[in-house]
Amino acid sequence: MSVVTKELHFDTKGEVEIVDITEKVDGKLRESSIEDGIVTIFVPGSTGAVTTIEYEPGLLLDLPRALERLFPKGIGYEHEYRWHDGNGHSHVRASFLGPSLTVPFRNKKMLLGTWQQVVFIELDNKRRSRRIILQILG
């Protein structure tokens, strides 16, 4: 088995920005020497998340609204009382969505459903420079 590590880098605008990274991940798979296997997509940090969605205008509105209903900004979070950075909701949202995703690939292309894309979700309340680590195994 071989292991290849790659990275993605990009800047975000903050507060539930949803970034489609599907093509970027597939591009890194094409660059690797591995034909078939799995890729783990991981975001270091505690206010970003990785998942899959159908990347379409309706869901780009629905997902932030759902996160607001589940983990509202306007309530008290102990994290904010301690650090006064206004992003307690960001940490809780990221914890529930998760920092990583593992996807199988064949012929250097992820085996996603027809309407399924891999997305990074910026959950912090400010702009960030983000790094995504790809661990490619096969």
Protein backbone atom coordinates (compact mmCIF):
# COMPACT_ATOMS: atom_id res chain seq x y z
CA MET A 1 0.00 0.00 0.00
CA SER A 2 1.14 3.53 -0.80
CA VAL A 3 0.35 6.76 1.01
CA VAL A 4 0.51 10.22 -0.55
CA THR A 5 -0.21 13.45 1.32
CA LYS A 6 -1.39 16.56 -0.52
CA GLU A 7 -2.82 19.90 0.63
CA LEU A 8 -5.38 22.44 -0.54
CA HIS A 9 -5.11 26.11 0.45
CA PHE A 10 -7.74 28.83 0.12
CA ASP A 11 -9.20 31.87 1.88
CA THR A 12 -12.76 32.09 3.14
CA LYS A 13 -15.16 34.93 3.93
CA GLY A 14 -16.46 33.42 7.18
CA GLU A 15 -19.83 32.55 8.74
CA VAL A 16 -21.14 29.45 6.96
CA GLU A 17 -19.44 29.87 3.62
CA ILE A 18 -19.77 26.58 1.73
CA VAL A 19 -16.88 25.85 -0.64
CA ASP A 20 -17.14 23.07 -3.25
CA ILE A 21 -13.73 21.35 -3.18
CA THR A 22 -14.68 18.31 -5.28
CA GLU A 23 -12.66 19.25 -8.38
CA LYS A 24 -9.67 20.32 -6.29
CA VAL A 25 -9.62 16.97 -4.50
CA ASP A 26 -9.99 15.06 -7.78
CA GLY A 27 -7.14 17.18 -9.19
CA LYS A 28 -4.86 16.12 -6.34
CA LEU A 29 -5.87 12.48 -6.93
CA ARG A 30 -4.86 12.86 -10.60
CA GLU A 31 -1.48 14.26 -9.48
CA SER A 32 -0.83 11.28 -7.22
CA SER A 33 0.67 7.96 -8.28
CA ILE A 34 -2.25 6.01 -6.81
CA GLU A 35 -5.02 4.74 -9.12
CA ASP A 36 -7.51 3.23 -6.68
CA GLY A 37 -8.04 3.56 -2.93
CA ILE A 38 -9.44 5.97 -0.38
CA VAL A 39 -8.81 9.63 0.30
CA THR A 40 -9.28 11.18 3.70
CA ILE A 41 -10.09 14.89 3.56
CA PHE A 42 -9.22 16.62 6.85
CA VAL A 43 -9.40 20.21 8.04
CA PRO A 44 -7.07 21.13 10.91
CA GLY A 45 -8.76 23.51 13.30
CA SER A 46 -11.92 23.61 15.34
CA THR A 47 -14.21 25.92 13.34
CA GLY A 48 -14.25 24.25 9.91
CA ALA A 49 -15.98 21.10 8.67
CA VAL A 50 -16.00 18.76 5.68
CA THR A 51 -19.04 16.89 4.38
CA THR A 52 -20.95 16.11 1.19
CA ILE A 53 -24.04 17.86 -0.16
CA GLU A 54 -25.76 18.48 -3.44
CA TYR A 55 -24.08 21.81 -4.19
CA GLU A 56 -27.10 23.71 -5.52
CA PRO A 57 -28.62 27.11 -4.65
CA GLY A 58 -31.44 25.73 -2.49
CA LEU A 59 -29.16 23.71 -0.23
CA LEU A 60 -26.66 26.56 -0.08
CA LEU A 61 -29.47 28.48 1.67
CA ASP A 62 -31.00 25.55 3.57
CA LEU A 63 -27.83 24.33 5.30
CA PRO A 64 -26.93 27.67 6.97
CA ARG A 65 -30.55 28.10 8.04
CA ALA A 66 -30.61 24.61 9.54
CA LEU A 67 -27.36 25.28 11.41
CA GLU A 68 -28.84 28.50 12.79
CA ARG A 69 -31.94 26.64 14.00
CA LEU A 70 -29.86 23.91 15.64
CA PHE A 71 -26.98 26.02 16.98
CA PRO A 72 -28.08 29.68 17.06
CA LYS A 73 -25.62 32.56 17.27
CA GLY A 74 -27.70 34.60 19.69
CA ILE A 75 -27.57 32.36 22.74
CA GLY A 76 -24.90 32.13 25.42
CA TYR A 77 -21.93 29.83 24.88
CA GLU A 78 -19.39 29.22 27.63
CA HIS A 79 -16.62 29.46 25.04
CA GLU A 80 -17.62 33.07 24.35
CA TYR A 81 -17.80 33.94 28.04
CA ARG A 82 -14.24 32.68 28.42
CA TRP A 83 -12.62 33.99 25.22
CA HIS A 84 -14.94 36.83 24.09
CA ASP A 85 -14.43 35.97 20.41
CA GLY A 86 -18.09 35.54 19.45
CA ASN A 87 -17.62 32.13 17.86
CA GLY A 88 -18.93 29.64 20.42
CA HIS A 89 -21.62 28.62 17.92
CA SER A 90 -18.89 28.04 15.31
CA HIS A 91 -17.10 25.50 17.49
CA VAL A 92 -20.30 23.61 18.34
CA ARG A 93 -21.39 23.50 14.68
CA ALA A 94 -17.98 22.23 13.57
CA SER A 95 -18.01 19.55 16.27
CA PHE A 96 -21.32 18.18 15.03
CA LEU A 97 -20.42 18.27 11.32
CA GLY A 98 -16.89 16.92 11.80
CA PRO A 99 -13.39 17.72 10.53
CA SER A 100 -12.94 14.84 8.09
CA LEU A 101 -14.45 12.64 5.42
CA THR A 102 -13.16 9.48 3.74
CA VAL A 103 -14.17 8.79 0.13
CA PRO A 104 -13.25 5.81 -2.07
CA PHE A 105 -11.78 6.53 -5.50
CA ARG A 106 -11.16 4.55 -8.68
CA ASN A 107 -9.11 5.60 -11.71
CA LYS A 108 -8.04 8.71 -9.76
CA LYS A 109 -11.63 9.98 -9.37
CA MET A 110 -13.80 9.96 -6.25
CA LEU A 111 -16.76 7.56 -6.37
CA LEU A 112 -19.42 10.12 -5.51
CA GLY A 113 -23.11 10.01 -6.32
CA THR A 114 -24.41 11.90 -9.34
CA TRP A 115 -25.49 14.95 -7.30
CA GLN A 116 -22.92 14.64 -4.51
CA GLN A 117 -20.06 17.08 -4.00
CA VAL A 118 -17.41 17.34 -1.27
CA VAL A 119 -17.61 20.67 0.53
CA PHE A 120 -15.66 22.57 3.13
CA ILE A 121 -17.86 24.64 5.43
CA GLU A 122 -16.33 27.71 7.04
CA LEU A 123 -18.07 28.05 10.39
CA ASP A 124 -15.92 30.72 12.01
CA ASN A 125 -17.33 34.22 12.29
CA LYS A 126 -14.44 35.80 10.41
CA ARG A 127 -12.30 35.37 7.30
CA ARG A 128 -9.78 32.57 7.50
CA SER A 129 -6.92 31.12 5.49
CA ARG A 130 -7.67 27.42 5.36
CA ARG A 131 -5.58 24.33 4.76
CA ILE A 132 -7.12 20.97 3.88
CA ILE A 133 -4.97 17.86 4.22
CA LEU A 134 -5.59 14.98 1.82
CA GLN A 135 -4.25 11.58 2.83
CA ILE A 136 -4.42 9.32 -0.25
CA LEU A 137 -4.09 5.56 0.35
CA GLY A 138 -4.12 2.76 -2.17
